[in-house]
Amino acid sequence: MINYIYKKKVLKTMKTIFMHAPQKLEKVEFDVSGLPSNIGLVTTIQYLKEIEKVKDFLETKGKNVIIGGQVLGCDQTTAERIAQEVDCFLYVGTGRFHPLGVAYKTGKPVYVLHPKTMLISEFEANVEAYKKKKQGMKAKFYSSKTIGVLMTTKKGQSRVQVNPERYKEIEKQFPDKKYYYFLSDTLNYSELENFKFIECWVNTMCPRIMDDINVLNIEDILEPEQKREN
């Protein structure tokens, strides 16, 4: 049984303009004594064109460097591709959002190079706690009968916008459950508390929502499309 609950009615979509704002690394010089020998370099789009400077400096210090490239908060594919070839990752940038994603996805130590101060710090991420949380949410999904599926109309924040039929796979693989679909532009976490009848939440929006609330990402429960085709 499918039930649709619309939290917000979208009347019209504002035009989105993306502006590239590159940043320069004025002086690349920092202490490499605490870094392992084989390093994967990742950064955000702001410093992408400057990443070669960091690679060159590290190599002058005897380090083996592989450039992963740009990472997003919700996509660490570039880091995952080279994870088996490096001992750690060096993230050039600020904040916790991006290096946390790299640590979760690769399981490798992550160091952060601040682009202004040129100070390096080892990023602390409790990957095991993250894995236990995910396993706990999966167990909750399997035992639940009433599922709330979170969806968004916000451009670039949904994994099912490219393939709208993808979310229906959850019904095919788990037909014994009852599904409610919640559609919104911007998710207000506190509003989920109003739906006490939902036993487990499944997220089709940005996968990093799981960092903040107890939801299960849709790809964590659906079999890969390649596996189903074989």
C-alpha atoms as a PDB file:
ATOM      1  CA  MET A   1       0.000   0.000   0.000  1.00  0.00           C
ATOM      2  CA  ILE A   2       1.336   3.430  -0.969  1.00  0.00           C
ATOM      3  CA  ASN A   3       0.460   6.645   0.822  1.00  0.00           C
ATOM      4  CA  TYR A   4       1.677  10.082  -0.220  1.00  0.00           C
ATOM      5  CA  ILE A   5       2.017  12.923   2.277  1.00  0.00           C
ATOM      6  CA  TYR A   6       3.050  16.276   0.829  1.00  0.00           C
ATOM      7  CA  LYS A   7       4.541  18.566   3.442  1.00  0.00           C
ATOM      8  CA  LYS A   8       4.924  21.512   1.065  1.00  0.00           C
ATOM      9  CA  LYS A   9       3.292  22.275  -2.253  1.00  0.00           C
ATOM     10  CA  VAL A  10       5.798  23.503  -4.793  1.00  0.00           C
ATOM     11  CA  LEU A  11       4.276  26.360  -6.797  1.00  0.00           C
ATOM     12  CA  LYS A  12       7.286  27.283  -8.920  1.00  0.00           C
ATOM     13  CA  THR A  13      11.006  26.717  -9.006  1.00  0.00           C
ATOM     14  CA  MET A  14      13.472  29.584  -8.713  1.00  0.00           C
ATOM     15  CA  LYS A  15      16.260  29.699 -11.259  1.00  0.00           C
ATOM     16  CA  THR A  16      19.531  28.434  -9.842  1.00  0.00           C
ATOM     17  CA  ILE A  17      22.795  30.101 -10.817  1.00  0.00           C
ATOM     18  CA  PHE A  18      26.075  28.390  -9.949  1.00  0.00           C
ATOM     19  CA  MET A  19      29.082  30.692  -9.610  1.00  0.00           C
ATOM     20  CA  HIS A  20      32.590  29.267  -9.493  1.00  0.00           C
ATOM     21  CA  ALA A  21      34.659  30.930  -6.773  1.00  0.00           C
ATOM     22  CA  PRO A  22      38.207  29.506  -6.966  1.00  0.00           C
ATOM     23  CA  GLN A  23      40.685  30.200  -4.169  1.00  0.00           C
ATOM     24  CA  LYS A  24      44.476  30.384  -4.378  1.00  0.00           C
ATOM     25  CA  LEU A  25      47.040  28.858  -2.068  1.00  0.00           C
ATOM     26  CA  GLU A  26      49.493  31.719  -1.669  1.00  0.00           C
ATOM     27  CA  LYS A  27      52.300  29.753  -0.021  1.00  0.00           C
ATOM     28  CA  VAL A  28      52.426  25.977   0.124  1.00  0.00           C
ATOM     29  CA  GLU A  29      54.744  24.980   2.950  1.00  0.00           C
ATOM     30  CA  PHE A  30      53.835  22.858   5.953  1.00  0.00           C
ATOM     31  CA  ASP A  31      55.101  20.222   8.379  1.00  0.00           C
ATOM     32  CA  VAL A  32      54.859  16.751   6.823  1.00  0.00           C
ATOM     33  CA  SER A  33      56.576  14.836   9.627  1.00  0.00           C
ATOM     34  CA  GLY A  34      53.325  13.304  10.888  1.00  0.00           C
ATOM     35  CA  LEU A  35      52.098  12.118   7.493  1.00  0.00           C
ATOM     36  CA  PRO A  36      52.448   8.529   6.203  1.00  0.00           C
ATOM     37  CA  SER A  37      54.419   7.816   3.040  1.00  0.00           C
ATOM     38  CA  ASN A  38      51.562   7.243   0.577  1.00  0.00           C
ATOM     39  CA  ILE A  39      49.056  10.075   0.465  1.00  0.00           C
ATOM     40  CA  GLY A  40      45.823  10.627  -1.412  1.00  0.00           C
ATOM     41  CA  LEU A  41      44.967  14.279  -2.061  1.00  0.00           C
ATOM     42  CA  VAL A  42      41.374  15.502  -2.051  1.00  0.00           C
ATOM     43  CA  THR A  43      39.777  18.915  -1.857  1.00  0.00           C
ATOM     44  CA  THR A  44      36.699  20.950  -2.744  1.00  0.00           C
ATOM     45  CA  ILE A  45      36.150  22.735  -6.039  1.00  0.00           C
ATOM     46  CA  GLN A  46      37.504  26.012  -4.615  1.00  0.00           C
ATOM     47  CA  TYR A  47      41.050  24.623  -4.381  1.00  0.00           C
ATOM     48  CA  LEU A  48      40.939  22.047  -7.161  1.00  0.00           C
ATOM     49  CA  LYS A  49      43.225  23.993  -9.493  1.00  0.00           C
ATOM     50  CA  GLU A  50      45.747  24.491  -6.669  1.00  0.00           C
ATOM     51  CA  ILE A  51      46.048  20.853  -5.691  1.00  0.00           C
ATOM     52  CA  GLU A  52      49.113  20.301  -7.915  1.00  0.00           C
ATOM     53  CA  LYS A  53      51.038  22.768  -5.743  1.00  0.00           C
ATOM     54  CA  VAL A  54      50.398  20.611  -2.694  1.00  0.00           C
ATOM     55  CA  LYS A  55      51.395  17.462  -4.580  1.00  0.00           C
ATOM     56  CA  ASP A  56      54.653  19.028  -5.744  1.00  0.00           C
ATOM     57  CA  PHE A  57      55.543  20.158  -2.228  1.00  0.00           C
ATOM     58  CA  LEU A  58      54.836  16.746  -0.716  1.00  0.00           C
ATOM     59  CA  GLU A  59      56.971  15.028  -3.327  1.00  0.00           C
ATOM     60  CA  THR A  60      59.909  17.290  -2.504  1.00  0.00           C
ATOM     61  CA  LYS A  61      59.595  15.894   1.033  1.00  0.00           C
ATOM     62  CA  GLY A  62      59.804  12.303  -0.187  1.00  0.00           C
ATOM     63  CA  LYS A  63      56.096  11.460  -0.122  1.00  0.00           C
ATOM     64  CA  ASN A  64      54.289   9.378  -2.719  1.00  0.00           C
ATOM     65  CA  VAL A  65      51.180  11.287  -3.765  1.00  0.00           C
ATOM     66  CA  ILE A  66      48.074  10.360  -5.759  1.00  0.00           C
ATOM     67  CA  ILE A  67      45.558  13.065  -6.552  1.00  0.00           C
ATOM     68  CA  GLY A  68      41.986  11.945  -5.937  1.00  0.00           C
ATOM     69  CA  GLY A  69      40.535  15.329  -6.799  1.00  0.00           C
ATOM     70  CA  GLN A  70      37.280  16.949  -5.837  1.00  0.00           C
ATOM     71  CA  VAL A  71      35.014  15.487  -3.173  1.00  0.00           C
ATOM     72  CA  LEU A  72      31.479  16.510  -2.357  1.00  0.00           C
ATOM     73  CA  GLY A  73      29.677  16.217   0.929  1.00  0.00           C
ATOM     74  CA  CYS A  74      27.546  13.432  -0.518  1.00  0.00           C
ATOM     75  CA  ASP A  75      30.008  11.912  -2.982  1.00  0.00           C
ATOM     76  CA  GLN A  76      33.491  10.652  -2.133  1.00  0.00           C
ATOM     77  CA  THR A  77      33.932   8.524  -5.257  1.00  0.00           C
ATOM     78  CA  THR A  78      37.247  10.144  -6.165  1.00  0.00           C
ATOM     79  CA  ALA A  79      38.662   9.146  -2.787  1.00  0.00           C
ATOM     80  CA  GLU A  80      37.223   5.639  -2.923  1.00  0.00           C
ATOM     81  CA  ARG A  81      38.882   4.981  -6.294  1.00  0.00           C
ATOM     82  CA  ILE A  82      42.374   5.391  -4.861  1.00  0.00           C
ATOM     83  CA  ALA A  83      41.786   4.220  -1.291  1.00  0.00           C
ATOM     84  CA  GLN A  84      43.614   0.923  -1.781  1.00  0.00           C
ATOM     85  CA  GLU A  85      46.698   2.706  -3.111  1.00  0.00           C
ATOM     86  CA  VAL A  86      47.271   5.121  -0.234  1.00  0.00           C
ATOM     87  CA  ASP A  87      47.929   5.020   3.511  1.00  0.00           C
ATOM     88  CA  CYS A  88      45.913   8.132   4.274  1.00  0.00           C
ATOM     89  CA  PHE A  89      44.139  11.124   2.764  1.00  0.00           C
ATOM     90  CA  LEU A  90      45.100  14.756   2.973  1.00  0.00           C
ATOM     91  CA  TYR A  91      42.098  17.036   2.600  1.00  0.00           C
ATOM     92  CA  VAL A  92      42.840  20.621   1.589  1.00  0.00           C
ATOM     93  CA  GLY A  93      40.082  22.803   2.988  1.00  0.00           C
ATOM     94  CA  THR A  94      38.176  23.694   6.133  1.00  0.00           C
ATOM     95  CA  GLY A  95      35.295  22.244   8.126  1.00  0.00           C
ATOM     96  CA  ARG A  96      34.333  18.687   9.090  1.00  0.00           C
ATOM     97  CA  PHE A  97      31.705  17.851   6.480  1.00  0.00           C
ATOM     98  CA  HIS A  98      33.956  16.730   3.620  1.00  0.00           C
ATOM     99  CA  PRO A  99      36.757  14.934   5.529  1.00  0.00           C
ATOM    100  CA  LEU A 100      34.150  13.120   7.605  1.00  0.00           C
ATOM    101  CA  GLY A 101      32.638  11.694   4.437  1.00  0.00           C
ATOM    102  CA  VAL A 102      36.063  10.576   3.190  1.00  0.00           C
ATOM    103  CA  ALA A 103      36.817   8.863   6.499  1.00  0.00           C
ATOM    104  CA  TYR A 104      33.463   7.048   6.514  1.00  0.00           C
ATOM    105  CA  LYS A 105      33.691   5.884   2.922  1.00  0.00           C
ATOM    106  CA  THR A 106      37.339   4.813   2.817  1.00  0.00           C
ATOM    107  CA  GLY A 107      38.132   3.814   6.388  1.00  0.00           C
ATOM    108  CA  LYS A 108      41.528   5.503   5.986  1.00  0.00           C
ATOM    109  CA  PRO A 109      43.090   8.110   8.307  1.00  0.00           C
ATOM    110  CA  VAL A 110      42.323  11.632   7.129  1.00  0.00           C
ATOM    111  CA  TYR A 111      44.466  14.715   7.691  1.00  0.00           C
ATOM    112  CA  VAL A 112      43.306  18.274   7.076  1.00  0.00           C
ATOM    113  CA  LEU A 113      45.501  21.005   5.623  1.00  0.00           C
ATOM    114  CA  HIS A 114      44.084  24.436   6.385  1.00  0.00           C
ATOM    115  CA  PRO A 115      44.479  26.471   3.175  1.00  0.00           C
ATOM    116  CA  LYS A 116      45.211  29.753   4.956  1.00  0.00           C
ATOM    117  CA  THR A 117      47.314  28.821   7.977  1.00  0.00           C
ATOM    118  CA  MET A 118      49.031  25.815   6.340  1.00  0.00           C
ATOM    119  CA  LEU A 119      48.588  23.875   9.579  1.00  0.00           C
ATOM    120  CA  ILE A 120      47.933  20.123   9.454  1.00  0.00           C
ATOM    121  CA  SER A 121      45.710  18.287  11.891  1.00  0.00           C
ATOM    122  CA  GLU A 122      44.635  14.663  12.029  1.00  0.00           C
ATOM    123  CA  PHE A 123      40.897  14.394  11.585  1.00  0.00           C
ATOM    124  CA  GLU A 124      39.075  12.436  14.282  1.00  0.00           C
ATOM    125  CA  ALA A 125      36.220  10.297  13.024  1.00  0.00           C
ATOM    126  CA  ASN A 126      34.636   7.394  14.871  1.00  0.00           C
ATOM    127  CA  VAL A 127      34.109   5.171  11.849  1.00  0.00           C
ATOM    128  CA  GLU A 128      33.207   2.129  13.943  1.00  0.00           C
ATOM    129  CA  ALA A 129      30.419   4.041  15.676  1.00  0.00           C
ATOM    130  CA  TYR A 130      29.118   5.090  12.256  1.00  0.00           C
ATOM    131  CA  LYS A 131      29.105   1.482  11.038  1.00  0.00           C
ATOM    132  CA  LYS A 132      27.303   0.295  14.175  1.00  0.00           C
ATOM    133  CA  LYS A 133      24.699   3.022  13.736  1.00  0.00           C
ATOM    134  CA  LYS A 134      24.089   1.933  10.145  1.00  0.00           C
ATOM    135  CA  GLN A 135      23.764  -1.734  11.133  1.00  0.00           C
ATOM    136  CA  GLY A 136      21.341  -0.794  13.883  1.00  0.00           C
ATOM    137  CA  MET A 137      19.182   1.184  11.452  1.00  0.00           C
ATOM    138  CA  LYS A 138      19.169  -1.707   8.981  1.00  0.00           C
ATOM    139  CA  ALA A 139      17.990  -4.080  11.686  1.00  0.00           C
ATOM    140  CA  LYS A 140      15.260  -1.612  12.613  1.00  0.00           C
ATOM    141  CA  PHE A 141      14.114  -1.388   8.986  1.00  0.00           C
ATOM    142  CA  TYR A 142      13.870  -5.162   8.612  1.00  0.00           C
ATOM    143  CA  SER A 143      11.735  -5.456  11.746  1.00  0.00           C
ATOM    144  CA  SER A 144       9.493  -2.457  10.985  1.00  0.00           C
ATOM    145  CA  LYS A 145       6.149  -2.601   9.189  1.00  0.00           C
ATOM    146  CA  THR A 146       5.507   1.115   8.636  1.00  0.00           C
ATOM    147  CA  ILE A 147       8.133   2.993   6.657  1.00  0.00           C
ATOM    148  CA  GLY A 148       8.471   6.705   5.980  1.00  0.00           C
ATOM    149  CA  VAL A 149      10.360   7.577   2.779  1.00  0.00           C
ATOM    150  CA  LEU A 150      11.918  11.048   2.676  1.00  0.00           C
ATOM    151  CA  MET A 151      12.006  12.724  -0.738  1.00  0.00           C
ATOM    152  CA  THR A 152      12.973  16.205  -1.930  1.00  0.00           C
ATOM    153  CA  THR A 153      12.342  18.526  -4.853  1.00  0.00           C
ATOM    154  CA  LYS A 154      15.577  20.412  -4.218  1.00  0.00           C
ATOM    155  CA  LYS A 155      17.877  20.212  -7.238  1.00  0.00           C
ATOM    156  CA  GLY A 156      21.031  18.220  -6.673  1.00  0.00           C
ATOM    157  CA  GLN A 157      19.910  16.863  -3.297  1.00  0.00           C
ATOM    158  CA  SER A 158      18.141  13.701  -4.380  1.00  0.00           C
ATOM    159  CA  ARG A 159      19.468  10.330  -5.499  1.00  0.00           C
ATOM    160  CA  VAL A 160      16.191   9.420  -7.247  1.00  0.00           C
ATOM    161  CA  GLN A 161      15.672  12.536  -9.379  1.00  0.00           C
ATOM    162  CA  VAL A 162      17.804  11.087 -12.162  1.00  0.00           C
ATOM    163  CA  ASN A 163      15.898   7.799 -12.005  1.00  0.00           C
ATOM    164  CA  PRO A 164      12.470   8.510 -10.436  1.00  0.00           C
ATOM    165  CA  GLU A 165      11.490   4.839 -10.642  1.00  0.00           C
ATOM    166  CA  ARG A 166      14.396   3.868  -8.401  1.00  0.00           C
ATOM    167  CA  TYR A 167      12.567   4.566  -5.153  1.00  0.00           C
ATOM    168  CA  LYS A 168       9.824   2.095  -6.121  1.00  0.00           C
ATOM    169  CA  GLU A 169      12.369  -0.702  -5.885  1.00  0.00           C
ATOM    170  CA  ILE A 170      11.973  -0.635  -2.133  1.00  0.00           C
ATOM    171  CA  GLU A 171       8.372  -1.790  -2.535  1.00  0.00           C
ATOM    172  CA  LYS A 172       9.399  -4.622  -4.862  1.00  0.00           C
ATOM    173  CA  GLN A 173      12.102  -5.931  -2.557  1.00  0.00           C
ATOM    174  CA  PHE A 174      10.081  -5.496   0.653  1.00  0.00           C
ATOM    175  CA  PRO A 175       6.388  -5.855  -0.320  1.00  0.00           C
ATOM    176  CA  ASP A 176       5.291  -6.786   3.220  1.00  0.00           C
ATOM    177  CA  LYS A 177       5.755  -3.219   4.507  1.00  0.00           C
ATOM    178  CA  LYS A 178       3.513  -0.167   4.367  1.00  0.00           C
ATOM    179  CA  TYR A 179       5.078   2.969   2.872  1.00  0.00           C
ATOM    180  CA  TYR A 180       4.389   6.662   3.352  1.00  0.00           C
ATOM    181  CA  TYR A 181       6.158   9.160   1.079  1.00  0.00           C
ATOM    182  CA  PHE A 182       7.097  12.567   2.436  1.00  0.00           C
ATOM    183  CA  LEU A 183       7.955  15.189  -0.175  1.00  0.00           C
ATOM    184  CA  SER A 184       9.458  18.579   0.695  1.00  0.00           C
ATOM    185  CA  ASP A 185      11.897  21.174  -0.590  1.00  0.00           C
ATOM    186  CA  THR A 186      13.778  21.684   2.682  1.00  0.00           C
ATOM    187  CA  LEU A 187      13.617  19.078   5.425  1.00  0.00           C
ATOM    188  CA  ASN A 188      12.895  20.229   8.955  1.00  0.00           C
ATOM    189  CA  TYR A 189      14.170  17.400  11.142  1.00  0.00           C
ATOM    190  CA  SER A 190      11.919  18.293  14.058  1.00  0.00           C
ATOM    191  CA  GLU A 191       8.784  17.769  11.961  1.00  0.00           C
ATOM    192  CA  LEU A 192       9.489  14.052  11.726  1.00  0.00           C
ATOM    193  CA  GLU A 193       8.524  13.766  15.386  1.00  0.00           C
ATOM    194  CA  ASN A 194       4.928  14.590  14.397  1.00  0.00           C
ATOM    195  CA  PHE A 195       4.555  11.221  12.677  1.00  0.00           C
ATOM    196  CA  LYS A 196       4.780   8.796  15.567  1.00  0.00           C
ATOM    197  CA  PHE A 197       3.296   5.973  13.517  1.00  0.00           C
ATOM    198  CA  ILE A 198       6.403   5.776  11.337  1.00  0.00           C
ATOM    199  CA  GLU A 199       8.632   3.026  12.698  1.00  0.00           C
ATOM    200  CA  CYS A 200      11.633   3.628  10.442  1.00  0.00           C
ATOM    201  CA  TRP A 201      12.695   6.420   8.086  1.00  0.00           C
ATOM    202  CA  VAL A 202      14.332   5.759   4.702  1.00  0.00           C
ATOM    203  CA  ASN A 203      16.222   8.613   3.080  1.00  0.00           C
ATOM    204  CA  THR A 204      16.415   9.289  -0.676  1.00  0.00           C
ATOM    205  CA  MET A 205      17.800  12.787  -0.148  1.00  0.00           C
ATOM    206  CA  CYS A 206      21.421  13.737   0.582  1.00  0.00           C
ATOM    207  CA  PRO A 207      22.996  10.631   2.185  1.00  0.00           C
ATOM    208  CA  ARG A 208      24.748  12.738   4.814  1.00  0.00           C
ATOM    209  CA  ILE A 209      21.407  13.375   6.536  1.00  0.00           C
ATOM    210  CA  MET A 210      22.260  10.185   8.394  1.00  0.00           C
ATOM    211  CA  ASP A 211      24.969  12.142  10.234  1.00  0.00           C
ATOM    212  CA  ASP A 212      22.299  14.206  12.005  1.00  0.00           C
ATOM    213  CA  ILE A 213      19.214  12.028  12.439  1.00  0.00           C
ATOM    214  CA  ASN A 214      18.325   8.355  12.653  1.00  0.00           C
ATOM    215  CA  VAL A 215      17.487   7.517   9.055  1.00  0.00           C
ATOM    216  CA  LEU A 216      18.599   4.754   6.721  1.00  0.00           C
ATOM    217  CA  ASN A 217      19.852   5.637   3.255  1.00  0.00           C
ATOM    218  CA  ILE A 218      17.996   3.902   0.446  1.00  0.00           C
ATOM    219  CA  GLU A 219      21.164   2.416  -1.066  1.00  0.00           C
ATOM    220  CA  ASP A 220      21.900   0.673   2.239  1.00  0.00           C
ATOM    221  CA  ILE A 221      18.889  -1.595   1.843  1.00  0.00           C
ATOM    222  CA  LEU A 222      18.413  -1.951  -1.911  1.00  0.00           C
ATOM    223  CA  GLU A 223      20.375  -4.550  -3.783  1.00  0.00           C
ATOM    224  CA  PRO A 224      22.631  -3.027  -6.451  1.00  0.00           C
ATOM    225  CA  GLU A 225      20.958  -2.877  -9.859  1.00  0.00           C
ATOM    226  CA  GLN A 226      23.824  -4.869 -11.378  1.00  0.00           C
ATOM    227  CA  LYS A 227      23.262  -7.695  -8.870  1.00  0.00           C
ATOM    228  CA  ARG A 228      19.549  -7.876  -9.626  1.00  0.00           C
ATOM    229  CA  GLU A 229      20.196  -8.020 -13.371  1.00  0.00           C
ATOM    230  CA  ASN A 230      22.590 -10.995 -13.050  1.00  0.00           C
END
